[in-house]
Amino acid sequence: MSRFFLLAPMVVFGLIGLVLLWMLYAIDGGGVFHDSLLPELIGFCLEGFILVGLLTLVQRSRESARRKELLLSLRGSFRSLLSLLDVAFLEPDAEPASSRQLETDPQLVDQLLTRLETRHPDIDSLVALKREADETLSLARDLVAVAAQLSATHMNWWIAIVDSIRRVSEARDRDALEAYLHEMLINIREFDRLET
């Protein structure tokens, strides 16, 4: 619907400009209207068409950049949790994921899910994850309003992520902790799949 309201003025300016242009060349007439006012009206329509198009383009690019920044701030809030989980499954000679991967790469979440389904992190890693979840929880809760700025669906998935982080922080045994970590990764994956 919003696209209609953005395109409608461009169509109106374009059509009126074409009609006036046709009148300028098809109708032989003299006088002040034909010689002075008609070219001015054509110029006005052309300027309106271009300005509406440019302003729409600028507005959309700003909105897209703003949404991207909001997503990066949301994803960055649990970067340390993903980092600890990545390190828990790290092979002896392997490099940990970069900060950029942790914040933006949805494939990393899929890789962590696969590893969590096939391997078990050691106790020290699980304790560190539980502690980090406890520290991350308040920040993640505060960011619900930021997720709501993207869409209601983003907010709903963000609330699901926050709830799974809370469950990780409150887990009492290995099985529950691994199950809640799995749930958290599923929720993050679904959040990443949403359109921005």
N, C-alpha and C. Protein backbone atom coordinates (compact mmCIF):
# COMPACT_ATOMS: atom_id res chain seq x y z
N MET A 1 0.82 -1.19 0.00
CA MET A 1 0.00 0.00 0.00
C MET A 1 0.87 1.26 0.00
N SER A 2 1.96 1.22 0.79
CA SER A 2 2.83 2.40 0.83
C SER A 2 3.51 2.63 -0.52
N ARG A 3 3.77 1.54 -1.25
CA ARG A 3 4.37 1.69 -2.58
C ARG A 3 3.43 2.44 -3.51
N PHE A 4 2.12 2.19 -3.37
CA PHE A 4 1.14 2.90 -4.19
C PHE A 4 1.20 4.40 -3.94
N PHE A 5 1.26 4.78 -2.67
CA PHE A 5 1.29 6.21 -2.34
C PHE A 5 2.59 6.88 -2.78
N LEU A 6 3.65 6.09 -2.92
CA LEU A 6 4.91 6.65 -3.41
C LEU A 6 4.91 6.77 -4.94
N LEU A 7 4.28 5.80 -5.59
CA LEU A 7 4.29 5.81 -7.05
C LEU A 7 3.20 6.69 -7.66
N ALA A 8 2.10 6.88 -6.93
CA ALA A 8 0.98 7.65 -7.48
C ALA A 8 1.38 9.07 -7.87
N PRO A 9 2.11 9.83 -7.03
CA PRO A 9 2.51 11.18 -7.47
C PRO A 9 3.41 11.17 -8.70
N MET A 10 4.29 10.16 -8.79
CA MET A 10 5.15 10.08 -9.96
C MET A 10 4.32 9.85 -11.23
N VAL A 11 3.33 8.97 -11.13
CA VAL A 11 2.48 8.68 -12.28
C VAL A 11 1.68 9.93 -12.68
N VAL A 12 1.15 10.63 -11.68
CA VAL A 12 0.37 11.84 -11.97
C VAL A 12 1.24 12.89 -12.66
N PHE A 13 2.41 13.17 -12.09
CA PHE A 13 3.31 14.15 -12.71
C PHE A 13 3.72 13.71 -14.11
N GLY A 14 4.00 12.43 -14.29
CA GLY A 14 4.41 11.92 -15.59
C GLY A 14 3.32 12.04 -16.63
N LEU A 15 2.10 11.64 -16.27
CA LEU A 15 1.00 11.71 -17.23
C LEU A 15 0.66 13.15 -17.60
N ILE A 16 0.57 14.03 -16.61
CA ILE A 16 0.27 15.43 -16.89
C ILE A 16 1.36 16.04 -17.76
N GLY A 17 2.61 15.71 -17.45
CA GLY A 17 3.73 16.22 -18.25
C GLY A 17 3.66 15.75 -19.69
N LEU A 18 3.29 14.47 -19.91
CA LEU A 18 3.16 13.95 -21.27
C LEU A 18 2.02 14.62 -22.03
N VAL A 19 0.90 14.83 -21.35
CA VAL A 19 -0.23 15.51 -21.99
C VAL A 19 0.16 16.94 -22.38
N LEU A 20 0.82 17.64 -21.47
CA LEU A 20 1.24 19.01 -21.76
C LEU A 20 2.27 19.04 -22.89
N LEU A 21 3.17 18.06 -22.90
CA LEU A 21 4.16 17.99 -23.97
C LEU A 21 3.47 17.74 -25.31
N TRP A 22 2.49 16.86 -25.31
CA TRP A 22 1.72 16.61 -26.53
C TRP A 22 1.02 17.89 -26.99
N MET A 23 0.44 18.63 -26.03
CA MET A 23 -0.24 19.88 -26.37
C MET A 23 0.74 20.89 -26.97
N LEU A 24 1.99 20.89 -26.48
CA LEU A 24 2.98 21.84 -26.97
C LEU A 24 3.30 21.60 -28.44
N TYR A 25 3.42 20.33 -28.83
CA TYR A 25 3.84 20.02 -30.19
C TYR A 25 2.68 19.71 -31.14
N ALA A 26 1.57 19.20 -30.63
CA ALA A 26 0.48 18.78 -31.51
C ALA A 26 -0.48 19.92 -31.83
N ILE A 27 -0.63 20.83 -30.92
CA ILE A 27 -1.60 21.91 -31.13
C ILE A 27 -0.84 23.16 -31.55
N ASP A 28 -1.16 23.63 -32.73
CA ASP A 28 -0.55 24.88 -33.18
C ASP A 28 -1.35 26.02 -32.59
N GLY A 29 -0.75 26.72 -31.76
CA GLY A 29 -1.44 27.85 -31.16
C GLY A 29 -0.41 28.88 -30.75
N GLY A 30 -0.83 30.03 -30.78
CA GLY A 30 0.05 31.09 -30.34
C GLY A 30 -0.49 31.66 -29.06
N GLY A 31 0.17 32.58 -28.60
CA GLY A 31 -0.32 33.25 -27.41
C GLY A 31 0.55 32.97 -26.21
N VAL A 32 0.18 33.64 -25.16
CA VAL A 32 0.96 33.57 -23.92
C VAL A 32 0.95 32.17 -23.32
N PHE A 33 -0.24 31.51 -23.33
CA PHE A 33 -0.33 30.18 -22.72
C PHE A 33 0.56 29.18 -23.45
N HIS A 34 0.46 29.16 -24.77
CA HIS A 34 1.22 28.19 -25.56
C HIS A 34 2.71 28.49 -25.56
N ASP A 35 3.08 29.72 -25.61
CA ASP A 35 4.49 30.07 -25.73
C ASP A 35 5.22 30.18 -24.39
N SER A 36 4.53 30.56 -23.33
CA SER A 36 5.21 30.79 -22.05
C SER A 36 4.78 29.84 -20.95
N LEU A 37 3.48 29.75 -20.75
CA LEU A 37 2.98 28.99 -19.61
C LEU A 37 3.09 27.48 -19.82
N LEU A 38 2.83 27.01 -21.00
CA LEU A 38 2.89 25.58 -21.28
C LEU A 38 4.29 24.99 -21.05
N PRO A 39 5.37 25.61 -21.54
CA PRO A 39 6.71 25.09 -21.23
C PRO A 39 7.03 25.11 -19.72
N GLU A 40 6.52 26.15 -19.03
CA GLU A 40 6.73 26.21 -17.57
C GLU A 40 6.02 25.06 -16.86
N LEU A 41 4.80 24.76 -17.29
CA LEU A 41 4.06 23.66 -16.68
C LEU A 41 4.73 22.31 -16.95
N ILE A 42 5.26 22.16 -18.16
CA ILE A 42 5.98 20.92 -18.49
C ILE A 42 7.22 20.79 -17.60
N GLY A 43 7.94 21.88 -17.43
CA GLY A 43 9.11 21.87 -16.54
C GLY A 43 8.74 21.55 -15.11
N PHE A 44 7.62 22.10 -14.63
CA PHE A 44 7.15 21.82 -13.28
C PHE A 44 6.83 20.34 -13.10
N CYS A 45 6.14 19.76 -14.08
CA CYS A 45 5.81 18.33 -14.01
C CYS A 45 7.06 17.46 -14.05
N LEU A 46 8.02 17.84 -14.89
CA LEU A 46 9.27 17.09 -14.97
C LEU A 46 10.04 17.17 -13.65
N GLU A 47 10.11 18.36 -13.06
CA GLU A 47 10.78 18.51 -11.77
C GLU A 47 10.07 17.72 -10.68
N GLY A 48 8.73 17.77 -10.68
CA GLY A 48 7.97 17.01 -9.69
C GLY A 48 8.21 15.52 -9.83
N PHE A 49 8.22 15.02 -11.07
CA PHE A 49 8.47 13.60 -11.32
C PHE A 49 9.84 13.19 -10.79
N ILE A 50 10.86 14.00 -11.11
CA ILE A 50 12.22 13.67 -10.70
C ILE A 50 12.38 13.80 -9.19
N LEU A 51 11.86 14.88 -8.61
CA LEU A 51 12.02 15.08 -7.17
C LEU A 51 11.32 14.01 -6.35
N VAL A 52 10.10 13.65 -6.74
CA VAL A 52 9.39 12.59 -6.01
C VAL A 52 10.17 11.28 -6.12
N GLY A 53 10.66 10.98 -7.32
CA GLY A 53 11.46 9.75 -7.49
C GLY A 53 12.73 9.76 -6.68
N LEU A 54 13.45 10.88 -6.70
CA LEU A 54 14.70 10.96 -5.93
C LEU A 54 14.46 10.91 -4.43
N LEU A 55 13.43 11.64 -3.98
CA LEU A 55 13.14 11.63 -2.54
C LEU A 55 12.71 10.24 -2.08
N THR A 56 11.97 9.55 -2.90
CA THR A 56 11.58 8.19 -2.57
C THR A 56 12.80 7.28 -2.48
N LEU A 57 13.70 7.41 -3.43
CA LEU A 57 14.92 6.61 -3.43
C LEU A 57 15.77 6.90 -2.20
N VAL A 58 15.94 8.17 -1.87
CA VAL A 58 16.73 8.54 -0.69
C VAL A 58 16.08 8.02 0.58
N GLN A 59 14.75 8.17 0.68
CA GLN A 59 14.05 7.69 1.87
C GLN A 59 14.20 6.19 2.02
N ARG A 60 14.05 5.46 0.95
CA ARG A 60 14.18 4.00 1.03
C ARG A 60 15.60 3.56 1.40
N SER A 61 16.60 4.22 0.85
CA SER A 61 17.97 3.84 1.19
C SER A 61 18.29 4.16 2.65
N ARG A 62 17.77 5.29 3.15
CA ARG A 62 17.98 5.60 4.57
C ARG A 62 17.27 4.60 5.47
N GLU A 63 16.06 4.24 5.10
CA GLU A 63 15.29 3.28 5.89
C GLU A 63 15.99 1.92 5.89
N SER A 64 16.51 1.53 4.74
CA SER A 64 17.22 0.25 4.64
C SER A 64 18.48 0.26 5.51
N ALA A 65 19.23 1.37 5.47
CA ALA A 65 20.45 1.47 6.29
C ALA A 65 20.09 1.46 7.78
N ARG A 66 19.01 2.13 8.15
CA ARG A 66 18.58 2.16 9.55
C ARG A 66 18.19 0.77 10.03
N ARG A 67 17.45 0.04 9.21
CA ARG A 67 17.03 -1.32 9.58
C ARG A 67 18.24 -2.24 9.71
N LYS A 68 19.21 -2.04 8.83
CA LYS A 68 20.42 -2.87 8.91
C LYS A 68 21.18 -2.59 10.20
N GLU A 69 21.27 -1.32 10.58
CA GLU A 69 21.94 -0.97 11.84
C GLU A 69 21.21 -1.55 13.04
N LEU A 70 19.88 -1.52 13.01
CA LEU A 70 19.10 -2.10 14.10
C LEU A 70 19.36 -3.61 14.19
N LEU A 71 19.39 -4.27 13.05
CA LEU A 71 19.66 -5.71 13.06
C LEU A 71 21.05 -6.02 13.61
N LEU A 72 22.04 -5.22 13.20
CA LEU A 72 23.40 -5.44 13.69
C LEU A 72 23.48 -5.22 15.20
N SER A 73 22.78 -4.23 15.71
CA SER A 73 22.81 -4.01 17.16
C SER A 73 22.13 -5.15 17.90
N LEU A 74 21.07 -5.68 17.32
CA LEU A 74 20.39 -6.82 17.95
C LEU A 74 21.29 -8.06 17.94
N ARG A 75 21.83 -8.37 16.78
CA ARG A 75 22.68 -9.56 16.68
C ARG A 75 23.95 -9.43 17.52
N GLY A 76 24.47 -8.22 17.64
CA GLY A 76 25.68 -8.01 18.42
C GLY A 76 25.48 -8.24 19.91
N SER A 77 24.23 -8.18 20.35
CA SER A 77 23.97 -8.30 21.79
C SER A 77 24.26 -9.70 22.32
N PHE A 78 24.16 -10.72 21.50
CA PHE A 78 24.49 -12.06 21.99
C PHE A 78 25.67 -12.67 21.24
N ARG A 79 26.53 -11.80 20.73
CA ARG A 79 27.74 -12.26 20.06
C ARG A 79 28.61 -13.09 20.98
N SER A 80 28.73 -12.68 22.25
CA SER A 80 29.59 -13.41 23.19
C SER A 80 29.06 -14.82 23.45
N LEU A 81 27.74 -14.99 23.47
CA LEU A 81 27.17 -16.34 23.63
C LEU A 81 27.53 -17.23 22.45
N LEU A 82 27.37 -16.69 21.25
CA LEU A 82 27.73 -17.47 20.06
C LEU A 82 29.22 -17.75 20.01
N SER A 83 30.02 -16.80 20.46
CA SER A 83 31.47 -16.98 20.48
C SER A 83 31.86 -18.11 21.44
N LEU A 84 31.27 -18.11 22.62
CA LEU A 84 31.57 -19.17 23.60
C LEU A 84 31.14 -20.53 23.07
N LEU A 85 30.00 -20.57 22.40
CA LEU A 85 29.54 -21.84 21.84
C LEU A 85 30.45 -22.28 20.69
N ASP A 86 30.90 -21.34 19.89
CA ASP A 86 31.84 -21.66 18.80
C ASP A 86 33.15 -22.21 19.37
N VAL A 87 33.66 -21.56 20.41
CA VAL A 87 34.91 -22.00 21.03
C VAL A 87 34.75 -23.38 21.67
N ALA A 88 33.57 -23.67 22.21
CA ALA A 88 33.32 -24.96 22.85
C ALA A 88 33.47 -26.12 21.87
N PHE A 89 33.19 -25.88 20.59
CA PHE A 89 33.29 -26.94 19.59
C PHE A 89 34.53 -26.82 18.72
N LEU A 90 35.43 -25.96 19.06
CA LEU A 90 36.60 -25.69 18.23
C LEU A 90 37.56 -26.88 18.22
N GLU A 91 38.03 -27.22 17.04
CA GLU A 91 39.05 -28.25 16.91
C GLU A 91 40.38 -27.68 17.41
N PRO A 92 41.32 -28.52 17.82
CA PRO A 92 42.57 -28.02 18.40
C PRO A 92 43.33 -27.00 17.55
N ASP A 93 43.39 -27.17 16.24
CA ASP A 93 44.16 -26.25 15.40
C ASP A 93 43.30 -25.25 14.65
N ALA A 94 42.03 -25.20 14.95
CA ALA A 94 41.11 -24.33 14.20
C ALA A 94 41.08 -22.93 14.80
N GLU A 95 40.68 -21.97 13.97
CA GLU A 95 40.53 -20.58 14.39
C GLU A 95 39.08 -20.32 14.79
N PRO A 96 38.85 -19.54 15.83
CA PRO A 96 37.47 -19.20 16.18
C PRO A 96 36.85 -18.26 15.14
N ALA A 97 35.55 -18.20 15.14
CA ALA A 97 34.83 -17.32 14.20
C ALA A 97 35.15 -15.86 14.51
N SER A 98 35.20 -15.05 13.48
CA SER A 98 35.47 -13.63 13.65
C SER A 98 34.23 -12.92 14.20
N SER A 99 34.45 -11.72 14.71
CA SER A 99 33.32 -10.93 15.23
C SER A 99 32.30 -10.68 14.13
N ARG A 100 32.77 -10.43 12.93
CA ARG A 100 31.86 -10.17 11.82
C ARG A 100 30.98 -11.38 11.53
N GLN A 101 31.58 -12.57 11.55
CA GLN A 101 30.81 -13.79 11.34
C GLN A 101 29.77 -13.97 12.44
N LEU A 102 30.19 -13.72 13.67
CA LEU A 102 29.30 -13.91 14.81
C LEU A 102 28.09 -12.97 14.74
N GLU A 103 28.29 -11.79 14.18
CA GLU A 103 27.22 -10.79 14.15
C GLU A 103 26.36 -10.85 12.90
N THR A 104 26.89 -11.36 11.80
CA THR A 104 26.14 -11.25 10.55
C THR A 104 25.93 -12.55 9.78
N ASP A 105 26.69 -13.58 10.04
CA ASP A 105 26.64 -14.78 9.20
C ASP A 105 25.60 -15.78 9.71
N PRO A 106 24.48 -15.94 8.99
CA PRO A 106 23.47 -16.90 9.44
C PRO A 106 23.93 -18.35 9.31
N GLN A 107 24.92 -18.61 8.44
CA GLN A 107 25.42 -19.97 8.29
C GLN A 107 26.15 -20.44 9.53
N LEU A 108 26.73 -19.51 10.29
CA LEU A 108 27.42 -19.89 11.53
C LEU A 108 26.43 -20.50 12.52
N VAL A 109 25.22 -19.96 12.58
CA VAL A 109 24.20 -20.50 13.48
C VAL A 109 23.85 -21.92 13.05
N ASP A 110 23.71 -22.15 11.75
CA ASP A 110 23.44 -23.50 11.25
C ASP A 110 24.57 -24.46 11.61
N GLN A 111 25.82 -24.00 11.49
CA GLN A 111 26.96 -24.84 11.84
C GLN A 111 26.95 -25.18 13.33
N LEU A 112 26.65 -24.19 14.16
CA LEU A 112 26.60 -24.43 15.61
C LEU A 112 25.47 -25.40 15.95
N LEU A 113 24.35 -25.29 15.27
CA LEU A 113 23.25 -26.23 15.50
C LEU A 113 23.67 -27.66 15.16
N THR A 114 24.34 -27.82 14.02
CA THR A 114 24.80 -29.15 13.62
C THR A 114 25.79 -29.71 14.63
N ARG A 115 26.73 -28.89 15.07
CA ARG A 115 27.71 -29.35 16.05
C ARG A 115 27.04 -29.72 17.37
N LEU A 116 26.08 -28.91 17.80
CA LEU A 116 25.40 -29.17 19.07
C LEU A 116 24.59 -30.46 19.01
N GLU A 117 24.08 -30.79 17.84
CA GLU A 117 23.31 -32.03 17.69
C GLU A 117 24.19 -33.27 17.67
N THR A 118 25.47 -33.11 17.31
CA THR A 118 26.34 -34.28 17.18
C THR A 118 27.39 -34.39 18.29
N ARG A 119 27.66 -33.29 18.99
CA ARG A 119 28.70 -33.31 20.02
C ARG A 119 28.20 -32.64 21.29
N HIS A 120 28.88 -32.89 22.39
CA HIS A 120 28.53 -32.28 23.67
C HIS A 120 29.67 -31.38 24.11
N PRO A 121 29.36 -30.12 24.46
CA PRO A 121 30.42 -29.24 25.00
C PRO A 121 30.87 -29.75 26.37
N ASP A 122 32.12 -29.43 26.73
CA ASP A 122 32.59 -29.84 28.05
C ASP A 122 31.94 -29.00 29.15
N ILE A 123 32.11 -29.44 30.39
CA ILE A 123 31.45 -28.78 31.53
C ILE A 123 31.89 -27.33 31.68
N ASP A 124 33.19 -27.07 31.51
CA ASP A 124 33.67 -25.69 31.65
C ASP A 124 33.00 -24.75 30.63
N SER A 125 32.84 -25.23 29.40
CA SER A 125 32.17 -24.43 28.38
C SER A 125 30.71 -24.19 28.73
N LEU A 126 30.05 -25.20 29.25
CA LEU A 126 28.65 -25.05 29.62
C LEU A 126 28.48 -24.06 30.77
N VAL A 127 29.38 -24.12 31.75
CA VAL A 127 29.33 -23.17 32.87
C VAL A 127 29.55 -21.75 32.36
N ALA A 128 30.51 -21.58 31.45
CA ALA A 128 30.78 -20.25 30.88
C ALA A 128 29.56 -19.75 30.09
N LEU A 129 28.92 -20.63 29.33
CA LEU A 129 27.73 -20.25 28.57
C LEU A 129 26.58 -19.86 29.49
N LYS A 130 26.41 -20.60 30.56
CA LYS A 130 25.35 -20.28 31.53
C LYS A 130 25.60 -18.92 32.18
N ARG A 131 26.84 -18.66 32.54
CA ARG A 131 27.19 -17.37 33.16
C ARG A 131 27.00 -16.22 32.16
N GLU A 132 27.42 -16.43 30.93
CA GLU A 132 27.26 -15.39 29.91
C GLU A 132 25.79 -15.14 29.59
N ALA A 133 24.99 -16.20 29.58
CA ALA A 133 23.55 -16.03 29.34
C ALA A 133 22.92 -15.18 30.43
N ASP A 134 23.36 -15.39 31.66
CA ASP A 134 22.85 -14.59 32.78
C ASP A 134 23.21 -13.11 32.60
N GLU A 135 24.43 -12.84 32.12
CA GLU A 135 24.87 -11.46 31.92
C GLU A 135 24.21 -10.82 30.69
N THR A 136 23.92 -11.60 29.68
CA THR A 136 23.35 -11.10 28.43
C THR A 136 21.84 -10.86 28.55
N LEU A 137 21.21 -11.53 29.48
CA LEU A 137 19.74 -11.52 29.56
C LEU A 137 19.16 -10.12 29.69
N SER A 138 19.69 -9.30 30.58
CA SER A 138 19.10 -7.97 30.78
C SER A 138 19.25 -7.09 29.53
N LEU A 139 20.40 -7.18 28.87
CA LEU A 139 20.60 -6.42 27.63
C LEU A 139 19.62 -6.89 26.55
N ALA A 140 19.46 -8.20 26.42
CA ALA A 140 18.55 -8.73 25.40
C ALA A 140 17.12 -8.30 25.68
N ARG A 141 16.73 -8.26 26.94
CA ARG A 141 15.37 -7.80 27.29
C ARG A 141 15.18 -6.33 26.92
N ASP A 142 16.21 -5.53 27.16
CA ASP A 142 16.12 -4.10 26.86
C ASP A 142 15.97 -3.84 25.36
N LEU A 143 16.41 -4.79 24.54
CA LEU A 143 16.38 -4.60 23.09
C LEU A 143 15.08 -5.05 22.42
N VAL A 144 14.10 -5.48 23.22
CA VAL A 144 12.81 -5.86 22.65
C VAL A 144 12.20 -4.68 21.90
N ALA A 145 12.32 -3.48 22.47
CA ALA A 145 11.77 -2.29 21.80
C ALA A 145 12.47 -2.01 20.47
N VAL A 146 13.76 -2.32 20.39
CA VAL A 146 14.49 -2.14 19.12
C VAL A 146 13.97 -3.13 18.08
N ALA A 147 13.76 -4.37 18.49
CA ALA A 147 13.22 -5.38 17.57
C ALA A 147 11.82 -4.99 17.11
N ALA A 148 11.05 -4.37 17.98
CA ALA A 148 9.69 -3.94 17.62
C ALA A 148 9.71 -2.86 16.55
N GLN A 149 10.79 -2.10 16.45
CA GLN A 149 10.90 -1.08 15.41
C GLN A 149 11.03 -1.70 14.02
N LEU A 150 11.51 -2.93 13.96
CA LEU A 150 11.64 -3.61 12.67
C LEU A 150 10.28 -4.14 12.21
N SER A 151 9.62 -4.93 13.06
CA SER A 151 8.28 -5.43 12.77
C SER A 151 7.79 -6.21 13.98
N ALA A 152 6.50 -6.52 13.97
CA ALA A 152 5.93 -7.32 15.06
C ALA A 152 6.50 -8.73 15.04
N THR A 153 6.76 -9.26 13.85
CA THR A 153 7.33 -10.61 13.75
C THR A 153 8.75 -10.63 14.30
N HIS A 154 9.54 -9.60 13.99
CA HIS A 154 10.88 -9.50 14.56
C HIS A 154 10.81 -9.46 16.09
N MET A 155 9.87 -8.69 16.61
CA MET A 155 9.73 -8.58 18.05
C MET A 155 9.37 -9.94 18.67
N ASN A 156 8.45 -10.66 18.03
CA ASN A 156 8.04 -11.97 18.56
C ASN A 156 9.20 -12.95 18.61
N TRP A 157 9.99 -13.00 17.53
CA TRP A 157 11.13 -13.90 17.53
C TRP A 157 12.19 -13.43 18.52
N TRP A 158 12.33 -12.11 18.68
CA TRP A 158 13.30 -11.61 19.65
C TRP A 158 12.89 -12.00 21.07
N ILE A 159 11.60 -11.92 21.37
CA ILE A 159 11.11 -12.34 22.69
C ILE A 159 11.38 -13.82 22.90
N ALA A 160 11.23 -14.63 21.85
CA ALA A 160 11.54 -16.06 21.95
C ALA A 160 13.03 -16.27 22.22
N ILE A 161 13.89 -15.46 21.59
CA ILE A 161 15.33 -15.56 21.85
C ILE A 161 15.63 -15.19 23.29
N VAL A 162 15.03 -14.11 23.77
CA VAL A 162 15.25 -13.68 25.15
C VAL A 162 14.80 -14.77 26.13
N ASP A 163 13.66 -15.38 25.85
CA ASP A 163 13.17 -16.44 26.72
C ASP A 163 14.11 -17.64 26.74
N SER A 164 14.66 -17.99 25.58
CA SER A 164 15.59 -19.12 25.55
C SER A 164 16.91 -18.77 26.24
N ILE A 165 17.35 -17.52 26.16
CA ILE A 165 18.55 -17.10 26.90
C ILE A 165 18.28 -17.20 28.40
N ARG A 166 17.08 -16.79 28.82
CA ARG A 166 16.70 -16.91 30.24
C ARG A 166 16.74 -18.36 30.68
N ARG A 167 16.23 -19.26 29.85
CA ARG A 167 16.22 -20.68 30.19
C ARG A 167 17.64 -21.23 30.28
N VAL A 168 18.52 -20.78 29.38
CA VAL A 168 19.92 -21.21 29.46
C VAL A 168 20.52 -20.76 30.79
N SER A 169 20.23 -19.54 31.20
CA SER A 169 20.81 -19.02 32.45
C SER A 169 20.26 -19.73 33.68
N GLU A 170 19.05 -20.30 33.58
CA GLU A 170 18.43 -20.97 34.72
C GLU A 170 18.55 -22.48 34.69
N ALA A 171 19.15 -23.05 33.64
CA ALA A 171 19.23 -24.50 33.51
C ALA A 171 20.01 -25.12 34.66
N ARG A 172 19.57 -26.31 35.11
CA ARG A 172 20.17 -26.97 36.27
C ARG A 172 21.01 -28.19 35.92
N ASP A 173 20.87 -28.73 34.71
CA ASP A 173 21.68 -29.90 34.34
C ASP A 173 22.10 -29.80 32.88
N ARG A 174 23.01 -30.70 32.49
CA ARG A 174 23.58 -30.67 31.14
C ARG A 174 22.50 -30.83 30.06
N ASP A 175 21.61 -31.78 30.23
CA ASP A 175 20.60 -32.04 29.19
C ASP A 175 19.71 -30.83 28.97
N ALA A 176 19.27 -30.22 30.07
CA ALA A 176 18.41 -29.04 29.95
C ALA A 176 19.17 -27.89 29.30
N LEU A 177 20.42 -27.69 29.70
CA LEU A 177 21.22 -26.60 29.15
C LEU A 177 21.44 -26.78 27.65
N GLU A 178 21.76 -27.99 27.22
CA GLU A 178 21.95 -28.24 25.80
C GLU A 178 20.64 -28.07 25.02
N ALA A 179 19.53 -28.49 25.62
CA ALA A 179 18.23 -28.34 24.96
C ALA A 179 17.89 -26.86 24.79
N TYR A 180 18.16 -26.05 25.82
CA TYR A 180 17.86 -24.62 25.74
C TYR A 180 18.81 -23.89 24.78
N LEU A 181 20.06 -24.35 24.73
CA LEU A 181 20.99 -23.78 23.74
C LEU A 181 20.50 -24.08 22.32
N HIS A 182 20.03 -25.30 22.12
CA HIS A 182 19.48 -25.69 20.82
C HIS A 182 18.28 -24.81 20.47
N GLU A 183 17.40 -24.61 21.44
CA GLU A 183 16.22 -23.76 21.24
C GLU A 183 16.64 -22.32 20.92
N MET A 184 17.64 -21.81 21.61
CA MET A 184 18.13 -20.46 21.36
C MET A 184 18.65 -20.33 19.93
N LEU A 185 19.43 -21.31 19.47
CA LEU A 185 19.97 -21.26 18.12
C LEU A 185 18.87 -21.35 17.07
N ILE A 186 17.85 -22.17 17.32
CA ILE A 186 16.71 -22.26 16.40
C ILE A 186 16.02 -20.90 16.30
N ASN A 187 15.81 -20.26 17.44
CA ASN A 187 15.15 -18.95 17.45
C ASN A 187 15.99 -17.89 16.72
N ILE A 188 17.30 -17.92 16.93
CA ILE A 188 18.19 -16.98 16.23
C ILE A 188 18.13 -17.22 14.73
N ARG A 189 18.13 -18.49 14.33
CA ARG A 189 18.05 -18.82 12.90
C ARG A 189 16.75 -18.29 12.29
N GLU A 190 15.65 -18.47 12.99
CA GLU A 190 14.36 -17.97 12.48
C GLU A 190 14.34 -16.44 12.43
N PHE A 191 14.95 -15.81 13.42
CA PHE A 191 15.06 -14.34 13.43
C PHE A 191 15.87 -13.87 12.22
N ASP A 192 16.97 -14.56 11.93
CA ASP A 192 17.82 -14.20 10.79
C ASP A 192 17.10 -14.37 9.45
N ARG A 193 16.16 -15.28 9.39
CA ARG A 193 15.46 -15.55 8.13
C ARG A 193 14.39 -14.52 7.80
N LEU A 194 14.04 -13.70 8.77
CA LEU A 194 13.02 -12.69 8.52
C LEU A 194 13.54 -11.65 7.54
N GLU A 195 12.65 -11.13 6.73
CA GLU A 195 13.02 -10.09 5.77
C GLU A 195 13.20 -8.77 6.50
N THR A 196 14.21 -8.02 6.04
CA THR A 196 14.41 -6.70 6.63
C THR A 196 13.88 -5.71 5.71
